[in-house]
């Protein structure tokens, strides 16, 4: 009998950095209103690259909510489905 093994997913470095920063905020090691340490300091403390720090910050940043109304559909010129008349033809 062959046993199937499940794939192991290791977290990305940015996910680990984001989790660490979130934990420091929740435990009040970092205050919620205080600015985070500079990128260079985070890079040195966590031994990661600048792109990893930036990705971690994107993970922690909530998506912006758009205040703009939804876009209206674009009307395209071209063939009309069978049975539809152009408005200028009027109703008979």
C-alpha atoms as a PDB file:
ATOM      1  CA  UNK A   1       0.000   0.000   0.000  1.00  0.00           C
ATOM      2  CA  UNK A   2       1.349   3.407  -1.028  1.00  0.00           C
ATOM      3  CA  UNK A   3       0.754   6.305   1.341  1.00  0.00           C
ATOM      4  CA  UNK A   4       0.006   9.666  -0.261  1.00  0.00           C
ATOM      5  CA  UNK A   5       1.832  12.591   1.253  1.00  0.00           C
ATOM      6  CA  UNK A   6       0.412  16.095   1.221  1.00  0.00           C
ATOM      7  CA  UNK A   7       2.474  18.981  -0.087  1.00  0.00           C
ATOM      8  CA  UNK A   8       4.114  21.103   2.573  1.00  0.00           C
ATOM      9  CA  UNK A   9       3.743  24.841   2.132  1.00  0.00           C
ATOM     10  CA  UNK A  10       6.356  26.940   3.842  1.00  0.00           C
ATOM     11  CA  UNK A  11       5.432  30.583   4.463  1.00  0.00           C
ATOM     12  CA  UNK A  12       7.174  33.256   2.430  1.00  0.00           C
ATOM     13  CA  UNK A  13       9.668  35.447   4.255  1.00  0.00           C
ATOM     14  CA  UNK A  14       7.349  38.448   3.801  1.00  0.00           C
ATOM     15  CA  UNK A  15       4.510  36.557   5.501  1.00  0.00           C
ATOM     16  CA  UNK A  16       6.775  35.816   8.460  1.00  0.00           C
ATOM     17  CA  UNK A  17       7.889  39.465   8.676  1.00  0.00           C
ATOM     18  CA  UNK A  18       4.258  40.653   8.460  1.00  0.00           C
ATOM     19  CA  UNK A  19       3.212  38.170  11.170  1.00  0.00           C
ATOM     20  CA  UNK A  20       6.106  39.358  13.393  1.00  0.00           C
ATOM     21  CA  UNK A  21       5.205  43.041  12.946  1.00  0.00           C
ATOM     22  CA  UNK A  22       1.509  42.322  13.589  1.00  0.00           C
ATOM     23  CA  UNK A  23       2.411  40.434  16.776  1.00  0.00           C
ATOM     24  CA  UNK A  24       4.581  43.357  17.957  1.00  0.00           C
ATOM     25  CA  UNK A  25       1.669  45.753  17.396  1.00  0.00           C
ATOM     26  CA  UNK A  26      -0.869  43.496  19.144  1.00  0.00           C
ATOM     27  CA  UNK A  27       1.433  42.989  22.152  1.00  0.00           C
ATOM     28  CA  UNK A  28       2.101  46.757  22.278  1.00  0.00           C
ATOM     29  CA  UNK A  29       5.802  46.263  21.671  1.00  0.00           C
ATOM     30  CA  UNK A  30       5.100  48.664  18.796  1.00  0.00           C
ATOM     31  CA  UNK A  31       2.341  51.204  19.407  1.00  0.00           C
ATOM     32  CA  UNK A  32      -0.407  51.313  16.757  1.00  0.00           C
ATOM     33  CA  UNK A  33       0.018  55.073  16.159  1.00  0.00           C
ATOM     34  CA  UNK A  34       3.828  55.072  16.178  1.00  0.00           C
ATOM     35  CA  UNK A  35       5.677  54.974  12.866  1.00  0.00           C
ATOM     36  CA  UNK A  36       7.398  51.699  12.051  1.00  0.00           C
ATOM     37  CA  UNK A  37      11.187  51.589  12.168  1.00  0.00           C
ATOM     38  CA  UNK A  38      12.891  52.568   8.895  1.00  0.00           C
ATOM     39  CA  UNK A  39      13.231  49.899   6.189  1.00  0.00           C
ATOM     40  CA  UNK A  40      16.982  49.645   6.752  1.00  0.00           C
ATOM     41  CA  UNK A  41      16.474  48.893  10.436  1.00  0.00           C
ATOM     42  CA  UNK A  42      13.773  46.274   9.719  1.00  0.00           C
ATOM     43  CA  UNK A  43      16.037  44.699   7.094  1.00  0.00           C
ATOM     44  CA  UNK A  44      18.933  44.464   9.544  1.00  0.00           C
ATOM     45  CA  UNK A  45      16.861  43.232  12.510  1.00  0.00           C
ATOM     46  CA  UNK A  46      15.066  40.545  10.508  1.00  0.00           C
ATOM     47  CA  UNK A  47      17.919  39.710   8.120  1.00  0.00           C
ATOM     48  CA  UNK A  48      15.761  40.099   5.006  1.00  0.00           C
ATOM     49  CA  UNK A  49      15.925  42.051   1.754  1.00  0.00           C
ATOM     50  CA  UNK A  50      14.231  45.401   1.160  1.00  0.00           C
ATOM     51  CA  UNK A  51      11.691  43.793  -1.204  1.00  0.00           C
ATOM     52  CA  UNK A  52      10.694  41.368   1.564  1.00  0.00           C
ATOM     53  CA  UNK A  53      10.083  44.250   3.988  1.00  0.00           C
ATOM     54  CA  UNK A  54       8.030  46.098   1.370  1.00  0.00           C
ATOM     55  CA  UNK A  55       5.957  43.005   0.581  1.00  0.00           C
ATOM     56  CA  UNK A  56       5.328  42.505   4.315  1.00  0.00           C
ATOM     57  CA  UNK A  57       4.086  46.094   4.579  1.00  0.00           C
ATOM     58  CA  UNK A  58       1.742  45.499   1.609  1.00  0.00           C
ATOM     59  CA  UNK A  59       0.386  42.434   3.416  1.00  0.00           C
ATOM     60  CA  UNK A  60      -0.300  44.536   6.516  1.00  0.00           C
ATOM     61  CA  UNK A  61      -1.846  47.467   4.630  1.00  0.00           C
ATOM     62  CA  UNK A  62      -5.595  47.090   4.126  1.00  0.00           C
ATOM     63  CA  UNK A  63      -6.807  47.609   0.552  1.00  0.00           C
ATOM     64  CA  UNK A  64      -8.016  51.115  -0.229  1.00  0.00           C
ATOM     65  CA  UNK A  65     -11.740  51.481  -0.617  1.00  0.00           C
ATOM     66  CA  UNK A  66     -12.707  53.325  -3.746  1.00  0.00           C
ATOM     67  CA  UNK A  67     -15.083  56.248  -3.269  1.00  0.00           C
ATOM     68  CA  UNK A  68     -15.800  56.418  -7.000  1.00  0.00           C
ATOM     69  CA  UNK A  69     -19.083  54.995  -8.243  1.00  0.00           C
ATOM     70  CA  UNK A  70     -18.897  51.844 -10.320  1.00  0.00           C
ATOM     71  CA  UNK A  71     -17.966  52.463 -13.929  1.00  0.00           C
ATOM     72  CA  UNK A  72     -20.775  52.534 -16.455  1.00  0.00           C
ATOM     73  CA  UNK A  73     -20.621  49.912 -19.156  1.00  0.00           C
ATOM     74  CA  UNK A  74     -19.025  50.958 -22.412  1.00  0.00           C
ATOM     75  CA  UNK A  75     -21.399  51.070 -25.340  1.00  0.00           C
ATOM     76  CA  UNK A  76     -19.829  49.582 -28.418  1.00  0.00           C
ATOM     77  CA  UNK A  77     -20.716  50.212 -32.008  1.00  0.00           C
ATOM     78  CA  UNK A  78     -21.175  47.294 -34.249  1.00  0.00           C
ATOM     79  CA  UNK A  79     -23.713  44.725 -35.269  1.00  0.00           C
ATOM     80  CA  UNK A  80     -26.884  44.479 -33.280  1.00  0.00           C
ATOM     81  CA  UNK A  81     -28.414  41.165 -32.405  1.00  0.00           C
ATOM     82  CA  UNK A  82     -31.112  40.065 -34.849  1.00  0.00           C
ATOM     83  CA  UNK A  83     -34.464  41.717 -34.229  1.00  0.00           C
ATOM     84  CA  UNK A  84     -33.142  44.956 -32.695  1.00  0.00           C
ATOM     85  CA  UNK A  85     -33.653  48.218 -34.576  1.00  0.00           C
ATOM     86  CA  UNK A  86     -31.673  51.406 -34.352  1.00  0.00           C
ATOM     87  CA  UNK A  87     -33.483  54.172 -32.409  1.00  0.00           C
ATOM     88  CA  UNK A  88     -33.588  56.459 -35.457  1.00  0.00           C
ATOM     89  CA  UNK A  89     -35.811  53.918 -37.235  1.00  0.00           C
ATOM     90  CA  UNK A  90     -38.559  54.634 -34.725  1.00  0.00           C
ATOM     91  CA  UNK A  91     -41.531  52.495 -33.889  1.00  0.00           C
ATOM     92  CA  UNK A  92     -44.048  51.647 -36.634  1.00  0.00           C
END
